[in-house]
């Protein structure tokens, strides 16, 4: 589409994201199906998430209240304590099983 700008110049208009959406979706689906879990990366991600959950406990009262409100109003959400409990038991085998089940549903 040709559009006029404030300076009077004409150029080809795009709608931002929508003209790239199909390329992005192809890339995203490829990444989802070609993803192979790596034990070292899994351990690093798990350690980082554990730190983030621990840091959440020491946040300001306002931030904690906001987080609690988001937990209450978000369907199927979990508390920090529930996430910490689940994280401790999580293994790379669990991740691989989840990935397989998700791919099978696609």
N, C-alpha and C. Protein backbone atom coordinates (compact mmCIF):
# COMPACT_ATOMS: atom_id res chain seq x y z
N UNK A 1 0.84 -1.18 0.00
CA UNK A 1 0.00 0.00 0.00
C UNK A 1 0.88 1.24 0.00
N UNK A 2 0.47 2.22 -0.75
CA UNK A 2 1.21 3.47 -0.81
C UNK A 2 0.54 4.45 0.14
N UNK A 3 1.34 5.07 0.99
CA UNK A 3 0.79 6.00 1.97
C UNK A 3 1.57 7.31 1.92
N UNK A 4 0.92 8.37 2.36
CA UNK A 4 1.55 9.67 2.44
C UNK A 4 2.05 9.89 3.86
N UNK A 5 3.22 10.47 4.00
CA UNK A 5 3.75 10.79 5.32
C UNK A 5 3.54 12.27 5.59
N UNK A 6 3.82 12.72 6.81
CA UNK A 6 3.66 14.14 7.15
C UNK A 6 4.55 15.02 6.28
N UNK A 7 5.69 14.52 5.88
CA UNK A 7 6.60 15.33 5.06
C UNK A 7 6.18 15.38 3.59
N UNK A 8 5.10 14.66 3.26
CA UNK A 8 4.62 14.68 1.88
C UNK A 8 5.21 13.61 1.00
N UNK A 9 6.14 12.82 1.54
CA UNK A 9 6.75 11.75 0.76
C UNK A 9 5.83 10.54 0.75
N UNK A 10 5.93 9.80 -0.30
CA UNK A 10 5.13 8.59 -0.43
C UNK A 10 6.05 7.39 -0.33
N UNK A 11 5.53 6.34 0.25
CA UNK A 11 6.33 5.13 0.36
C UNK A 11 5.44 3.93 0.56
N UNK A 12 6.06 2.81 0.64
CA UNK A 12 5.31 1.58 0.82
C UNK A 12 5.04 1.40 2.30
N UNK A 13 3.79 1.26 2.67
CA UNK A 13 3.41 1.09 4.07
C UNK A 13 3.31 -0.39 4.44
N UNK A 14 3.68 -0.67 5.61
CA UNK A 14 3.50 -2.03 6.13
C UNK A 14 2.76 -1.92 7.44
N UNK A 15 2.25 -3.02 7.88
CA UNK A 15 1.52 -3.00 9.14
C UNK A 15 2.39 -3.52 10.27
N UNK A 16 3.69 -3.37 10.14
CA UNK A 16 4.59 -3.76 11.22
C UNK A 16 4.78 -5.25 11.29
N UNK A 17 4.20 -5.86 12.28
CA UNK A 17 4.41 -7.27 12.56
C UNK A 17 3.70 -8.18 11.54
N UNK A 18 2.52 -7.81 11.09
CA UNK A 18 1.71 -8.72 10.29
C UNK A 18 2.39 -9.14 8.98
N UNK A 19 3.22 -8.28 8.40
CA UNK A 19 3.89 -8.67 7.17
C UNK A 19 5.02 -9.67 7.41
N UNK A 20 5.41 -9.85 8.66
CA UNK A 20 6.47 -10.80 9.01
C UNK A 20 5.94 -12.01 9.76
N UNK A 21 4.64 -12.03 10.01
CA UNK A 21 4.05 -13.05 10.86
C UNK A 21 4.26 -14.47 10.34
N UNK A 22 4.09 -14.71 9.07
CA UNK A 22 4.24 -16.07 8.55
C UNK A 22 5.68 -16.55 8.67
N UNK A 23 6.64 -15.65 8.42
CA UNK A 23 8.05 -16.01 8.58
C UNK A 23 8.36 -16.34 10.03
N UNK A 24 7.84 -15.52 10.93
CA UNK A 24 8.07 -15.75 12.36
C UNK A 24 7.43 -17.07 12.81
N UNK A 25 6.23 -17.33 12.37
CA UNK A 25 5.54 -18.57 12.77
C UNK A 25 6.29 -19.79 12.25
N UNK A 26 6.81 -19.73 11.04
CA UNK A 26 7.59 -20.83 10.50
C UNK A 26 8.84 -21.05 11.35
N UNK A 27 9.53 -19.97 11.68
CA UNK A 27 10.73 -20.06 12.52
C UNK A 27 10.39 -20.65 13.89
N UNK A 28 9.30 -20.18 14.49
CA UNK A 28 8.90 -20.64 15.82
C UNK A 28 8.55 -22.12 15.83
N UNK A 29 7.78 -22.58 14.87
CA UNK A 29 7.42 -23.99 14.79
C UNK A 29 8.66 -24.84 14.56
N UNK A 30 9.55 -24.39 13.69
CA UNK A 30 10.82 -25.11 13.49
C UNK A 30 11.59 -25.24 14.80
N UNK A 31 11.69 -24.14 15.55
CA UNK A 31 12.42 -24.17 16.82
C UNK A 31 11.77 -25.13 17.81
N UNK A 32 10.45 -25.14 17.84
CA UNK A 32 9.74 -26.04 18.77
C UNK A 32 9.99 -27.50 18.42
N UNK A 33 9.94 -27.82 17.15
CA UNK A 33 10.09 -29.22 16.75
C UNK A 33 11.54 -29.68 16.67
N UNK A 34 12.46 -28.76 16.47
CA UNK A 34 13.86 -29.14 16.37
C UNK A 34 14.61 -29.01 17.69
N UNK A 35 13.95 -28.49 18.73
CA UNK A 35 14.59 -28.30 20.03
C UNK A 35 14.99 -29.63 20.64
N UNK A 36 16.24 -29.71 21.08
CA UNK A 36 16.74 -30.90 21.78
C UNK A 36 17.30 -30.43 23.11
N UNK A 37 16.73 -30.90 24.22
CA UNK A 37 17.21 -30.48 25.53
C UNK A 37 18.66 -30.89 25.74
N UNK A 38 19.40 -30.02 26.40
CA UNK A 38 20.80 -30.25 26.73
C UNK A 38 20.90 -30.23 28.26
N UNK A 39 21.54 -31.25 28.84
CA UNK A 39 21.59 -31.39 30.29
C UNK A 39 22.23 -30.17 30.95
N UNK A 40 23.32 -29.66 30.41
CA UNK A 40 23.98 -28.49 31.01
C UNK A 40 23.09 -27.26 30.97
N UNK A 41 22.45 -27.00 29.83
CA UNK A 41 21.55 -25.86 29.72
C UNK A 41 20.35 -26.02 30.64
N UNK A 42 19.85 -27.24 30.77
CA UNK A 42 18.74 -27.52 31.65
C UNK A 42 19.11 -27.20 33.10
N UNK A 43 20.30 -27.64 33.51
CA UNK A 43 20.76 -27.38 34.88
C UNK A 43 20.92 -25.88 35.12
N UNK A 44 21.47 -25.17 34.14
CA UNK A 44 21.64 -23.72 34.27
C UNK A 44 20.29 -23.02 34.39
N UNK A 45 19.35 -23.41 33.56
CA UNK A 45 18.02 -22.79 33.59
C UNK A 45 17.33 -23.09 34.92
N UNK A 46 17.48 -24.30 35.39
CA UNK A 46 16.87 -24.70 36.65
C UNK A 46 17.48 -23.91 37.82
N UNK A 47 18.81 -23.75 37.81
CA UNK A 47 19.49 -22.97 38.85
C UNK A 47 19.06 -21.51 38.82
N UNK A 48 18.94 -20.93 37.62
CA UNK A 48 18.52 -19.54 37.49
C UNK A 48 17.09 -19.37 37.99
N UNK A 49 16.20 -20.30 37.65
CA UNK A 49 14.82 -20.21 38.11
C UNK A 49 14.75 -20.32 39.63
N UNK A 50 15.56 -21.19 40.20
CA UNK A 50 15.61 -21.34 41.65
C UNK A 50 16.05 -20.02 42.30
N UNK A 51 17.06 -19.36 41.74
CA UNK A 51 17.51 -18.06 42.25
C UNK A 51 16.40 -17.02 42.14
N UNK A 52 15.73 -17.00 40.99
CA UNK A 52 14.65 -16.03 40.78
C UNK A 52 13.52 -16.24 41.79
N UNK A 53 13.17 -17.49 42.05
CA UNK A 53 12.12 -17.78 43.02
C UNK A 53 12.55 -17.39 44.43
N UNK A 54 13.81 -17.63 44.77
CA UNK A 54 14.32 -17.23 46.09
C UNK A 54 14.34 -15.71 46.22
N UNK A 55 14.73 -15.01 45.15
CA UNK A 55 14.76 -13.55 45.17
C UNK A 55 13.36 -12.96 45.34
N UNK A 56 12.38 -13.67 44.84
CA UNK A 56 11.01 -13.17 44.94
C UNK A 56 10.59 -13.05 46.40
N UNK A 57 11.13 -13.89 47.26
CA UNK A 57 10.77 -13.86 48.68
C UNK A 57 11.24 -12.58 49.36
N UNK A 58 12.30 -11.97 48.86
CA UNK A 58 12.86 -10.79 49.52
C UNK A 58 12.44 -9.47 48.86
N UNK A 59 11.48 -9.53 47.97
CA UNK A 59 11.02 -8.31 47.29
C UNK A 59 10.20 -7.43 48.24
N UNK A 60 10.03 -6.20 47.86
CA UNK A 60 9.24 -5.24 48.62
C UNK A 60 7.80 -5.71 48.78
N UNK A 61 7.15 -5.26 49.84
CA UNK A 61 5.77 -5.68 50.14
C UNK A 61 4.82 -5.38 48.97
N UNK A 62 4.97 -4.21 48.33
CA UNK A 62 4.11 -3.86 47.20
C UNK A 62 4.27 -4.87 46.07
N UNK A 63 5.51 -5.24 45.76
CA UNK A 63 5.76 -6.20 44.69
C UNK A 63 5.18 -7.56 45.03
N UNK A 64 5.32 -7.95 46.30
CA UNK A 64 4.76 -9.24 46.72
C UNK A 64 3.24 -9.24 46.61
N UNK A 65 2.62 -8.13 47.03
CA UNK A 65 1.16 -8.04 46.93
C UNK A 65 0.71 -8.08 45.48
N UNK A 66 1.42 -7.39 44.61
CA UNK A 66 1.11 -7.39 43.19
C UNK A 66 1.25 -8.80 42.60
N UNK A 67 2.32 -9.48 42.99
CA UNK A 67 2.54 -10.85 42.52
C UNK A 67 1.43 -11.78 43.01
N UNK A 68 1.04 -11.62 44.28
CA UNK A 68 -0.04 -12.45 44.83
C UNK A 68 -1.35 -12.19 44.10
N UNK A 69 -1.63 -10.93 43.79
CA UNK A 69 -2.84 -10.59 43.05
C UNK A 69 -2.82 -11.23 41.67
N UNK A 70 -1.68 -11.15 40.99
CA UNK A 70 -1.56 -11.78 39.67
C UNK A 70 -1.77 -13.28 39.75
N UNK A 71 -1.26 -13.90 40.80
CA UNK A 71 -1.46 -15.34 40.99
C UNK A 71 -2.94 -15.65 41.16
N UNK A 72 -3.64 -14.82 41.93
CA UNK A 72 -5.06 -15.06 42.18
C UNK A 72 -5.92 -14.88 40.93
N UNK A 73 -5.57 -13.92 40.10
CA UNK A 73 -6.44 -13.63 38.95
C UNK A 73 -6.03 -14.37 37.68
N UNK A 74 -4.92 -15.06 37.73
CA UNK A 74 -4.46 -15.80 36.55
C UNK A 74 -4.89 -17.26 36.69
N UNK A 75 -5.62 -17.71 35.72
CA UNK A 75 -6.10 -19.09 35.75
C UNK A 75 -4.93 -20.06 35.68
N UNK A 76 -5.01 -21.12 36.45
CA UNK A 76 -3.99 -22.18 36.47
C UNK A 76 -2.60 -21.67 36.83
N UNK A 77 -2.52 -20.72 37.74
CA UNK A 77 -1.22 -20.23 38.16
C UNK A 77 -0.84 -20.88 39.49
N UNK A 78 0.42 -20.72 39.86
CA UNK A 78 0.93 -21.38 41.05
C UNK A 78 1.66 -20.37 41.92
N UNK A 79 1.70 -20.64 43.23
CA UNK A 79 2.43 -19.78 44.14
C UNK A 79 3.92 -20.05 44.01
N UNK A 80 4.71 -19.16 44.56
CA UNK A 80 6.17 -19.33 44.53
C UNK A 80 6.56 -20.63 45.21
N UNK A 81 5.92 -20.93 46.33
CA UNK A 81 6.23 -22.16 47.07
C UNK A 81 5.90 -23.41 46.24
N UNK A 82 4.79 -23.38 45.53
CA UNK A 82 4.43 -24.51 44.68
C UNK A 82 5.44 -24.68 43.55
N UNK A 83 5.88 -23.58 42.98
CA UNK A 83 6.86 -23.64 41.89
C UNK A 83 8.20 -24.16 42.41
N UNK A 84 8.61 -23.72 43.60
CA UNK A 84 9.86 -24.20 44.18
C UNK A 84 9.81 -25.70 44.43
N UNK A 85 8.67 -26.18 44.94
CA UNK A 85 8.52 -27.62 45.19
C UNK A 85 8.59 -28.43 43.91
N UNK A 86 7.94 -27.94 42.88
CA UNK A 86 7.96 -28.64 41.59
C UNK A 86 9.34 -28.60 40.96
N UNK A 87 10.04 -27.48 41.12
CA UNK A 87 11.36 -27.33 40.52
C UNK A 87 12.35 -28.33 41.10
N UNK A 88 12.27 -28.57 42.39
CA UNK A 88 13.21 -29.49 43.03
C UNK A 88 13.11 -30.90 42.45
N UNK A 89 11.91 -31.29 42.07
CA UNK A 89 11.69 -32.64 41.56
C UNK A 89 11.84 -32.75 40.05
N UNK A 90 11.95 -31.64 39.36
CA UNK A 90 12.00 -31.61 37.90
C UNK A 90 13.31 -32.18 37.38
N UNK A 91 13.21 -33.05 36.38
CA UNK A 91 14.41 -33.64 35.77
C UNK A 91 14.38 -33.39 34.26
N UNK A 92 15.52 -33.63 33.64
CA UNK A 92 15.57 -33.47 32.18
C UNK A 92 14.68 -34.53 31.52
N UNK A 93 14.52 -35.67 32.16
CA UNK A 93 13.62 -36.70 31.64
C UNK A 93 12.19 -36.17 31.60
N UNK A 94 11.80 -35.43 32.64
CA UNK A 94 10.47 -34.81 32.66
C UNK A 94 10.32 -33.84 31.49
N UNK A 95 11.36 -33.04 31.26
CA UNK A 95 11.31 -32.08 30.15
C UNK A 95 11.17 -32.79 28.81
N UNK A 96 11.95 -33.83 28.61
CA UNK A 96 11.88 -34.58 27.35
C UNK A 96 10.51 -35.23 27.17
N UNK A 97 9.94 -35.75 28.24
CA UNK A 97 8.59 -36.35 28.17
C UNK A 97 7.55 -35.30 27.81
N UNK A 98 7.68 -34.11 28.43
CA UNK A 98 6.76 -33.02 28.14
C UNK A 98 6.86 -32.59 26.68
N UNK A 99 8.08 -32.45 26.19
CA UNK A 99 8.30 -32.06 24.80
C UNK A 99 7.68 -33.09 23.85
N UNK A 100 7.91 -34.36 24.13
CA UNK A 100 7.35 -35.42 23.27
C UNK A 100 5.83 -35.35 23.27
N UNK A 101 5.23 -35.25 24.45
CA UNK A 101 3.77 -35.20 24.53
C UNK A 101 3.20 -33.97 23.81
N UNK A 102 3.89 -32.85 23.92
CA UNK A 102 3.44 -31.63 23.26
C UNK A 102 3.56 -31.75 21.75
N UNK A 103 4.66 -32.32 21.29
CA UNK A 103 4.83 -32.51 19.84
C UNK A 103 3.80 -33.48 19.29
N UNK A 104 3.47 -34.51 20.06
CA UNK A 104 2.48 -35.50 19.62
C UNK A 104 1.09 -34.88 19.48
N UNK A 105 0.82 -33.83 20.24
CA UNK A 105 -0.48 -33.16 20.17
C UNK A 105 -0.58 -32.18 19.00
N UNK A 106 0.56 -31.84 18.43
CA UNK A 106 0.58 -30.81 17.37
C UNK A 106 -0.05 -31.29 16.11
